[in-house]
């Protein structure tokens, strides 16, 4: 899987992809490295489930004030709605 991921960093700016690298490291440690998969479709389903059912809705993040990405999205949408 590592081979297909390319750097998203701008030239001479090594910090651009730090967030993506952190996400991939965490997601692999929490899902992929714990199982053996029969085929690529199984991996896709597991990763999708991890992101949609756990990472975005249950896993809190220190960078988000110990809120989930879904909670932050809801807060931002509410602020946007009130601003209109």
PDB file of N, CA and C in Angstrom:
ATOM      1  N   UNK A   1       0.827  -1.192   0.000  1.00  0.00           N
ATOM      2  CA  UNK A   1       0.000   0.000   0.000  1.00  0.00           C
ATOM      3  C   UNK A   1       0.871   1.256   0.000  1.00  0.00           C
ATOM      4  N   UNK A   2       2.005   1.220   0.681  1.00  0.00           N
ATOM      5  CA  UNK A   2       2.866   2.396   0.746  1.00  0.00           C
ATOM      6  C   UNK A   2       3.358   2.836  -0.624  1.00  0.00           C
ATOM      7  N   UNK A   3       3.512   1.903  -1.514  1.00  0.00           N
ATOM      8  CA  UNK A   3       4.050   2.229  -2.832  1.00  0.00           C
ATOM      9  C   UNK A   3       3.132   3.121  -3.647  1.00  0.00           C
ATOM     10  N   UNK A   4       1.828   2.971  -3.482  1.00  0.00           N
ATOM     11  CA  UNK A   4       0.908   3.744  -4.306  1.00  0.00           C
ATOM     12  C   UNK A   4       0.679   5.151  -3.773  1.00  0.00           C
ATOM     13  N   UNK A   5       1.098   5.422  -2.552  1.00  0.00           N
ATOM     14  CA  UNK A   5       0.922   6.750  -1.980  1.00  0.00           C
ATOM     15  C   UNK A   5       2.108   7.630  -2.347  1.00  0.00           C
ATOM     16  N   UNK A   6       1.835   8.720  -2.962  1.00  0.00           N
ATOM     17  CA  UNK A   6       2.894   9.644  -3.319  1.00  0.00           C
ATOM     18  C   UNK A   6       2.836  10.864  -2.421  1.00  0.00           C
ATOM     19  N   UNK A   7       3.945  11.528  -2.305  1.00  0.00           N
ATOM     20  CA  UNK A   7       4.000  12.720  -1.478  1.00  0.00           C
ATOM     21  C   UNK A   7       3.088  13.795  -2.049  1.00  0.00           C
ATOM     22  N   UNK A   8       2.405  14.503  -1.152  1.00  0.00           N
ATOM     23  CA  UNK A   8       1.566  15.613  -1.588  1.00  0.00           C
ATOM     24  C   UNK A   8       2.228  16.946  -1.245  1.00  0.00           C
ATOM     25  N   UNK A   9       3.464  16.878  -0.842  1.00  0.00           N
ATOM     26  CA  UNK A   9       4.187  18.069  -0.429  1.00  0.00           C
ATOM     27  C   UNK A   9       4.619  18.908  -1.631  1.00  0.00           C
ATOM     28  N   UNK A  10       4.624  20.217  -1.418  1.00  0.00           N
ATOM     29  CA  UNK A  10       5.213  21.099  -2.425  1.00  0.00           C
ATOM     30  C   UNK A  10       6.718  20.934  -2.358  1.00  0.00           C
ATOM     31  N   UNK A  11       7.371  21.232  -3.423  1.00  0.00           N
ATOM     32  CA  UNK A  11       8.816  21.111  -3.466  1.00  0.00           C
ATOM     33  C   UNK A  11       9.453  21.971  -2.377  1.00  0.00           C
ATOM     34  N   UNK A  12      10.370  21.366  -1.631  1.00  0.00           N
ATOM     35  CA  UNK A  12      11.140  22.027  -0.569  1.00  0.00           C
ATOM     36  C   UNK A  12      10.287  22.423   0.640  1.00  0.00           C
ATOM     37  N   UNK A  13       9.125  21.803   0.793  1.00  0.00           N
ATOM     38  CA  UNK A  13       8.284  22.084   1.952  1.00  0.00           C
ATOM     39  C   UNK A  13       7.849  20.757   2.566  1.00  0.00           C
ATOM     40  N   UNK A  14       8.673  20.240   3.446  1.00  0.00           N
ATOM     41  CA  UNK A  14       8.438  18.904   4.000  1.00  0.00           C
ATOM     42  C   UNK A  14       7.259  18.846   4.953  1.00  0.00           C
ATOM     43  N   UNK A  15       6.723  19.966   5.389  1.00  0.00           N
ATOM     44  CA  UNK A  15       5.627  19.950   6.364  1.00  0.00           C
ATOM     45  C   UNK A  15       4.255  19.851   5.713  1.00  0.00           C
ATOM     46  N   UNK A  16       4.169  20.037   4.415  1.00  0.00           N
ATOM     47  CA  UNK A  16       2.877  19.994   3.731  1.00  0.00           C
ATOM     48  C   UNK A  16       2.122  18.691   3.964  1.00  0.00           C
ATOM     49  N   UNK A  17       2.822  17.581   3.936  1.00  0.00           N
ATOM     50  CA  UNK A  17       2.117  16.312   4.035  1.00  0.00           C
ATOM     51  C   UNK A  17       2.171  15.701   5.433  1.00  0.00           C
ATOM     52  N   UNK A  18       2.515  16.452   6.441  1.00  0.00           N
ATOM     53  CA  UNK A  18       2.598  15.923   7.811  1.00  0.00           C
ATOM     54  C   UNK A  18       1.253  15.412   8.302  1.00  0.00           C
ATOM     55  N   UNK A  19       0.177  16.113   8.008  1.00  0.00           N
ATOM     56  CA  UNK A  19      -1.150  15.685   8.454  1.00  0.00           C
ATOM     57  C   UNK A  19      -1.542  14.382   7.765  1.00  0.00           C
ATOM     58  N   UNK A  20      -1.319  14.310   6.459  1.00  0.00           N
ATOM     59  CA  UNK A  20      -1.642  13.090   5.723  1.00  0.00           C
ATOM     60  C   UNK A  20      -0.803  11.919   6.214  1.00  0.00           C
ATOM     61  N   UNK A  21       0.480  12.156   6.421  1.00  0.00           N
ATOM     62  CA  UNK A  21       1.358  11.094   6.919  1.00  0.00           C
ATOM     63  C   UNK A  21       0.897  10.609   8.288  1.00  0.00           C
ATOM     64  N   UNK A  22       0.503  11.519   9.148  1.00  0.00           N
ATOM     65  CA  UNK A  22       0.019  11.159  10.470  1.00  0.00           C
ATOM     66  C   UNK A  22      -1.257  10.323  10.367  1.00  0.00           C
ATOM     67  N   UNK A  23      -2.177  10.735   9.502  1.00  0.00           N
ATOM     68  CA  UNK A  23      -3.420   9.986   9.313  1.00  0.00           C
ATOM     69  C   UNK A  23      -3.129   8.571   8.831  1.00  0.00           C
ATOM     70  N   UNK A  24      -2.281   8.435   7.814  1.00  0.00           N
ATOM     71  CA  UNK A  24      -1.995   7.102   7.275  1.00  0.00           C
ATOM     72  C   UNK A  24      -1.309   6.222   8.310  1.00  0.00           C
ATOM     73  N   UNK A  25      -0.401   6.789   9.069  1.00  0.00           N
ATOM     74  CA  UNK A  25       0.277   6.022  10.117  1.00  0.00           C
ATOM     75  C   UNK A  25      -0.731   5.520  11.154  1.00  0.00           C
ATOM     76  N   UNK A  26      -1.601   6.414  11.610  1.00  0.00           N
ATOM     77  CA  UNK A  26      -2.590   6.060  12.612  1.00  0.00           C
ATOM     78  C   UNK A  26      -3.581   5.034  12.072  1.00  0.00           C
ATOM     79  N   UNK A  27      -4.092   5.262  10.875  1.00  0.00           N
ATOM     80  CA  UNK A  27      -5.093   4.350  10.324  1.00  0.00           C
ATOM     81  C   UNK A  27      -4.511   2.962  10.092  1.00  0.00           C
ATOM     82  N   UNK A  28      -3.288   2.889   9.628  1.00  0.00           N
ATOM     83  CA  UNK A  28      -2.659   1.583   9.435  1.00  0.00           C
ATOM     84  C   UNK A  28      -2.464   0.884  10.781  1.00  0.00           C
ATOM     85  N   UNK A  29      -2.005   1.618  11.771  1.00  0.00           N
ATOM     86  CA  UNK A  29      -1.766   1.022  13.088  1.00  0.00           C
ATOM     87  C   UNK A  29      -3.063   0.545  13.732  1.00  0.00           C
ATOM     88  N   UNK A  30      -4.156   1.264  13.504  1.00  0.00           N
ATOM     89  CA  UNK A  30      -5.419   0.927  14.150  1.00  0.00           C
ATOM     90  C   UNK A  30      -6.267  -0.078  13.364  1.00  0.00           C
ATOM     91  N   UNK A  31      -5.948  -0.313  12.098  1.00  0.00           N
ATOM     92  CA  UNK A  31      -6.764  -1.254  11.320  1.00  0.00           C
ATOM     93  C   UNK A  31      -5.929  -2.269  10.549  1.00  0.00           C
ATOM     94  N   UNK A  32      -5.189  -1.814   9.598  1.00  0.00           N
ATOM     95  CA  UNK A  32      -4.539  -2.695   8.628  1.00  0.00           C
ATOM     96  C   UNK A  32      -3.541  -3.648   9.277  1.00  0.00           C
ATOM     97  N   UNK A  33      -2.732  -3.186  10.188  1.00  0.00           N
ATOM     98  CA  UNK A  33      -1.698  -4.032  10.773  1.00  0.00           C
ATOM     99  C   UNK A  33      -2.247  -5.095  11.721  1.00  0.00           C
ATOM    100  N   UNK A  34      -3.508  -5.026  12.064  1.00  0.00           N
ATOM    101  CA  UNK A  34      -4.111  -5.976  13.001  1.00  0.00           C
ATOM    102  C   UNK A  34      -4.738  -7.180  12.309  1.00  0.00           C
ATOM    103  N   UNK A  35      -4.779  -7.170  10.986  1.00  0.00           N
ATOM    104  CA  UNK A  35      -5.489  -8.217  10.251  1.00  0.00           C
ATOM    105  C   UNK A  35      -4.717  -8.677   9.032  1.00  0.00           C
ATOM    106  N   UNK A  36      -5.106  -9.823   8.557  1.00  0.00           N
ATOM    107  CA  UNK A  36      -4.660 -10.310   7.250  1.00  0.00           C
ATOM    108  C   UNK A  36      -5.882 -10.265   6.356  1.00  0.00           C
ATOM    109  N   UNK A  37      -5.709  -9.776   5.154  1.00  0.00           N
ATOM    110  CA  UNK A  37      -6.825  -9.608   4.236  1.00  0.00           C
ATOM    111  C   UNK A  37      -6.726 -10.594   3.087  1.00  0.00           C
ATOM    112  N   UNK A  38      -7.890 -11.058   2.653  1.00  0.00           N
ATOM    113  CA  UNK A  38      -7.952 -12.033   1.564  1.00  0.00           C
ATOM    114  C   UNK A  38      -7.727 -11.381   0.205  1.00  0.00           C
ATOM    115  N   UNK A  39      -8.234 -10.159   0.053  1.00  0.00           N
ATOM    116  CA  UNK A  39      -8.117  -9.492  -1.242  1.00  0.00           C
ATOM    117  C   UNK A  39      -8.199  -7.981  -1.055  1.00  0.00           C
ATOM    118  N   UNK A  40      -8.000  -7.262  -2.146  1.00  0.00           N
ATOM    119  CA  UNK A  40      -7.985  -5.800  -2.096  1.00  0.00           C
ATOM    120  C   UNK A  40      -9.359  -5.237  -1.715  1.00  0.00           C
ATOM    121  N   UNK A  41     -10.424  -5.880  -2.147  1.00  0.00           N
ATOM    122  CA  UNK A  41     -11.772  -5.421  -1.809  1.00  0.00           C
ATOM    123  C   UNK A  41     -11.989  -5.456  -0.292  1.00  0.00           C
ATOM    124  N   UNK A  42     -11.475  -6.479   0.366  1.00  0.00           N
ATOM    125  CA  UNK A  42     -11.595  -6.578   1.829  1.00  0.00           C
ATOM    126  C   UNK A  42     -10.883  -5.422   2.517  1.00  0.00           C
ATOM    127  N   UNK A  43      -9.723  -5.050   1.996  1.00  0.00           N
ATOM    128  CA  UNK A  43      -8.974  -3.923   2.552  1.00  0.00           C
ATOM    129  C   UNK A  43      -9.772  -2.636   2.372  1.00  0.00           C
ATOM    130  N   UNK A  44     -10.301  -2.431   1.186  1.00  0.00           N
ATOM    131  CA  UNK A  44     -11.082  -1.226   0.911  1.00  0.00           C
ATOM    132  C   UNK A  44     -12.276  -1.102   1.854  1.00  0.00           C
ATOM    133  N   UNK A  45     -12.992  -2.199   2.047  1.00  0.00           N
ATOM    134  CA  UNK A  45     -14.154  -2.169   2.939  1.00  0.00           C
ATOM    135  C   UNK A  45     -13.749  -1.887   4.381  1.00  0.00           C
ATOM    136  N   UNK A  46     -12.664  -2.484   4.824  1.00  0.00           N
ATOM    137  CA  UNK A  46     -12.193  -2.269   6.197  1.00  0.00           C
ATOM    138  C   UNK A  46     -11.765  -0.818   6.415  1.00  0.00           C
ATOM    139  N   UNK A  47     -11.028  -0.276   5.466  1.00  0.00           N
ATOM    140  CA  UNK A  47     -10.555   1.107   5.586  1.00  0.00           C
ATOM    141  C   UNK A  47     -11.734   2.078   5.529  1.00  0.00           C
ATOM    142  N   UNK A  48     -12.672   1.836   4.627  1.00  0.00           N
ATOM    143  CA  UNK A  48     -13.860   2.685   4.543  1.00  0.00           C
ATOM    144  C   UNK A  48     -14.632   2.648   5.854  1.00  0.00           C
ATOM    145  N   UNK A  49     -14.847   1.449   6.385  1.00  0.00           N
ATOM    146  CA  UNK A  49     -15.557   1.311   7.652  1.00  0.00           C
ATOM    147  C   UNK A  49     -14.839   2.009   8.789  1.00  0.00           C
ATOM    148  N   UNK A  50     -13.525   1.885   8.815  1.00  0.00           N
ATOM    149  CA  UNK A  50     -12.727   2.539   9.859  1.00  0.00           C
ATOM    150  C   UNK A  50     -12.909   4.059   9.798  1.00  0.00           C
ATOM    151  N   UNK A  51     -12.806   4.612   8.612  1.00  0.00           N
ATOM    152  CA  UNK A  51     -12.905   6.066   8.467  1.00  0.00           C
ATOM    153  C   UNK A  51     -14.321   6.556   8.773  1.00  0.00           C
ATOM    154  N   UNK A  52     -15.315   5.938   8.160  1.00  0.00           N
ATOM    155  CA  UNK A  52     -16.693   6.412   8.303  1.00  0.00           C
ATOM    156  C   UNK A  52     -17.323   6.072   9.651  1.00  0.00           C
ATOM    157  N   UNK A  53     -17.040   4.880  10.165  1.00  0.00           N
ATOM    158  CA  UNK A  53     -17.719   4.454  11.386  1.00  0.00           C
ATOM    159  C   UNK A  53     -16.948   4.755  12.661  1.00  0.00           C
ATOM    160  N   UNK A  54     -15.647   4.936  12.565  1.00  0.00           N
ATOM    161  CA  UNK A  54     -14.871   5.168  13.779  1.00  0.00           C
ATOM    162  C   UNK A  54     -14.111   6.489  13.740  1.00  0.00           C
ATOM    163  N   UNK A  55     -13.232   6.661  12.783  1.00  0.00           N
ATOM    164  CA  UNK A  55     -12.327   7.813  12.766  1.00  0.00           C
ATOM    165  C   UNK A  55     -13.093   9.142  12.752  1.00  0.00           C
ATOM    166  N   UNK A  56     -14.091   9.252  11.916  1.00  0.00           N
ATOM    167  CA  UNK A  56     -14.830  10.516  11.798  1.00  0.00           C
ATOM    168  C   UNK A  56     -15.886  10.722  12.877  1.00  0.00           C
ATOM    169  N   UNK A  57     -16.375   9.641  13.470  1.00  0.00           N
ATOM    170  CA  UNK A  57     -17.516   9.775  14.375  1.00  0.00           C
ATOM    171  C   UNK A  57     -17.210   9.509  15.846  1.00  0.00           C
ATOM    172  N   UNK A  58     -16.160   8.739  16.136  1.00  0.00           N
ATOM    173  CA  UNK A  58     -15.885   8.373  17.522  1.00  0.00           C
ATOM    174  C   UNK A  58     -14.495   8.765  18.019  1.00  0.00           C
ATOM    175  N   UNK A  59     -13.515   8.754  17.142  1.00  0.00           N
ATOM    176  CA  UNK A  59     -12.136   8.994  17.565  1.00  0.00           C
ATOM    177  C   UNK A  59     -11.912  10.488  17.769  1.00  0.00           C
ATOM    178  N   UNK A  60     -11.610  10.861  19.010  1.00  0.00           N
ATOM    179  CA  UNK A  60     -11.345  12.276  19.290  1.00  0.00           C
ATOM    180  C   UNK A  60      -9.909  12.613  18.894  1.00  0.00           C
ATOM    181  N   UNK A  61      -9.680  13.890  18.602  1.00  0.00           N
ATOM    182  CA  UNK A  61      -8.381  14.349  18.130  1.00  0.00           C
ATOM    183  C   UNK A  61      -7.927  15.537  18.976  1.00  0.00           C
ATOM    184  N   UNK A  62      -6.720  15.482  19.460  1.00  0.00           N
ATOM    185  CA  UNK A  62      -6.210  16.574  20.289  1.00  0.00           C
ATOM    186  C   UNK A  62      -6.159  17.883  19.509  1.00  0.00           C
ATOM    187  N   UNK A  63      -5.848  17.810  18.224  1.00  0.00           N
ATOM    188  CA  UNK A  63      -5.779  19.021  17.399  1.00  0.00           C
ATOM    189  C   UNK A  63      -7.150  19.663  17.204  1.00  0.00           C
ATOM    190  N   UNK A  64      -8.213  18.903  17.485  1.00  0.00           N
ATOM    191  CA  UNK A  64      -9.576  19.420  17.349  1.00  0.00           C
ATOM    192  C   UNK A  64     -10.217  19.676  18.713  1.00  0.00           C
ATOM    193  N   UNK A  65      -9.381  19.854  19.710  1.00  0.00           N
ATOM    194  CA  UNK A  65      -9.910  20.101  21.056  1.00  0.00           C
ATOM    195  C   UNK A  65     -10.600  18.880  21.624  1.00  0.00           C
ATOM    196  N   UNK A  66     -10.099  17.707  21.285  1.00  0.00           N
ATOM    197  CA  UNK A  66     -10.656  16.429  21.741  1.00  0.00           C
ATOM    198  C   UNK A  66     -12.109  16.246  21.315  1.00  0.00           C
ATOM    199  N   UNK A  67     -12.370  16.689  20.095  1.00  0.00           N
ATOM    200  CA  UNK A  67     -13.658  16.450  19.450  1.00  0.00           C
ATOM    201  C   UNK A  67     -13.413  15.543  18.246  1.00  0.00           C
ATOM    202  N   UNK A  68     -14.489  14.976  17.731  1.00  0.00           N
ATOM    203  CA  UNK A  68     -14.377  14.147  16.533  1.00  0.00           C
ATOM    204  C   UNK A  68     -14.476  15.046  15.292  1.00  0.00           C
ATOM    205  N   UNK A  69     -13.992  14.580  14.145  1.00  0.00           N
ATOM    206  CA  UNK A  69     -14.173  15.365  12.922  1.00  0.00           C
ATOM    207  C   UNK A  69     -15.648  15.662  12.637  1.00  0.00           C
ATOM    208  N   UNK A  70     -16.517  14.710  12.921  1.00  0.00           N
ATOM    209  CA  UNK A  70     -17.944  14.943  12.693  1.00  0.00           C
ATOM    210  C   UNK A  70     -18.476  16.058  13.592  1.00  0.00           C
ATOM    211  N   UNK A  71     -18.046  16.091  14.862  1.00  0.00           N
ATOM    212  CA  UNK A  71     -18.477  17.161  15.765  1.00  0.00           C
ATOM    213  C   UNK A  71     -18.005  18.522  15.254  1.00  0.00           C
ATOM    214  N   UNK A  72     -16.777  18.592  14.787  1.00  0.00           N
ATOM    215  CA  UNK A  72     -16.240  19.856  14.252  1.00  0.00           C
ATOM    216  C   UNK A  72     -17.023  20.279  13.021  1.00  0.00           C
ATOM    217  N   UNK A  73     -17.318  19.327  12.151  1.00  0.00           N
ATOM    218  CA  UNK A  73     -18.102  19.644  10.959  1.00  0.00           C
ATOM    219  C   UNK A  73     -19.472  20.197  11.337  1.00  0.00           C
ATOM    220  N   UNK A  74     -20.112  19.584  12.320  1.00  0.00           N
ATOM    221  CA  UNK A  74     -21.425  20.050  12.763  1.00  0.00           C
ATOM    222  C   UNK A  74     -21.342  21.450  13.368  1.00  0.00           C
ATOM    223  N   UNK A  75     -20.300  21.725  14.126  1.00  0.00           N
ATOM    224  CA  UNK A  75     -20.105  23.055  14.713  1.00  0.00           C
ATOM    225  C   UNK A  75     -19.926  24.093  13.620  1.00  0.00           C
ATOM    226  N   UNK A  76     -19.094  23.780  12.635  1.00  0.00           N
ATOM    227  CA  UNK A  76     -18.849  24.719  11.537  1.00  0.00           C
ATOM    228  C   UNK A  76     -20.098  24.940  10.695  1.00  0.00           C
ATOM    229  N   UNK A  77     -20.856  23.887  10.441  1.00  0.00           N
ATOM    230  CA  UNK A  77     -22.096  24.036   9.675  1.00  0.00           C
ATOM    231  C   UNK A  77     -23.112  24.885  10.440  1.00  0.00           C
ATOM    232  N   UNK A  78     -23.171  24.722  11.740  1.00  0.00           N
ATOM    233  CA  UNK A  78     -24.085  25.522  12.558  1.00  0.00           C
ATOM    234  C   UNK A  78     -23.668  26.997  12.546  1.00  0.00           C
ATOM    235  N   UNK A  79     -22.377  27.250  12.648  1.00  0.00           N
ATOM    236  CA  UNK A  79     -21.891  28.633  12.578  1.00  0.00           C
ATOM    237  C   UNK A  79     -22.216  29.252  11.228  1.00  0.00           C
ATOM    238  N   UNK A  80     -22.039  28.467  10.177  1.00  0.00           N
ATOM    239  CA  UNK A  80     -22.340  28.951   8.829  1.00  0.00           C
ATOM    240  C   UNK A  80     -23.835  29.245   8.689  1.00  0.00           C
ATOM    241  N   UNK A  81     -24.644  28.371   9.225  1.00  0.00           N
ATOM    242  CA  UNK A  81     -26.090  28.552   9.167  1.00  0.00           C
ATOM    243  C   UNK A  81     -26.523  29.803   9.919  1.00  0.00           C
ATOM    244  N   UNK A  82     -25.919  30.047  11.083  1.00  0.00           N
ATOM    245  CA  UNK A  82     -26.251  31.238  11.864  1.00  0.00           C
ATOM    246  C   UNK A  82     -25.763  32.527  11.218  1.00  0.00           C
ATOM    247  N   UNK A  83     -24.718  32.434  10.430  1.00  0.00           N
ATOM    248  CA  UNK A  83     -24.141  33.623   9.792  1.00  0.00           C
ATOM    249  C   UNK A  83     -24.973  34.098   8.608  1.00  0.00           C
ATOM    250  N   UNK A  84     -25.822  33.248   8.109  1.00  0.00           N
ATOM    251  CA  UNK A  84     -26.617  33.607   6.914  1.00  0.00           C
ATOM    252  C   UNK A  84     -27.794  34.428   7.248  1.00  0.00           C
TER     253      UNK A  84
END
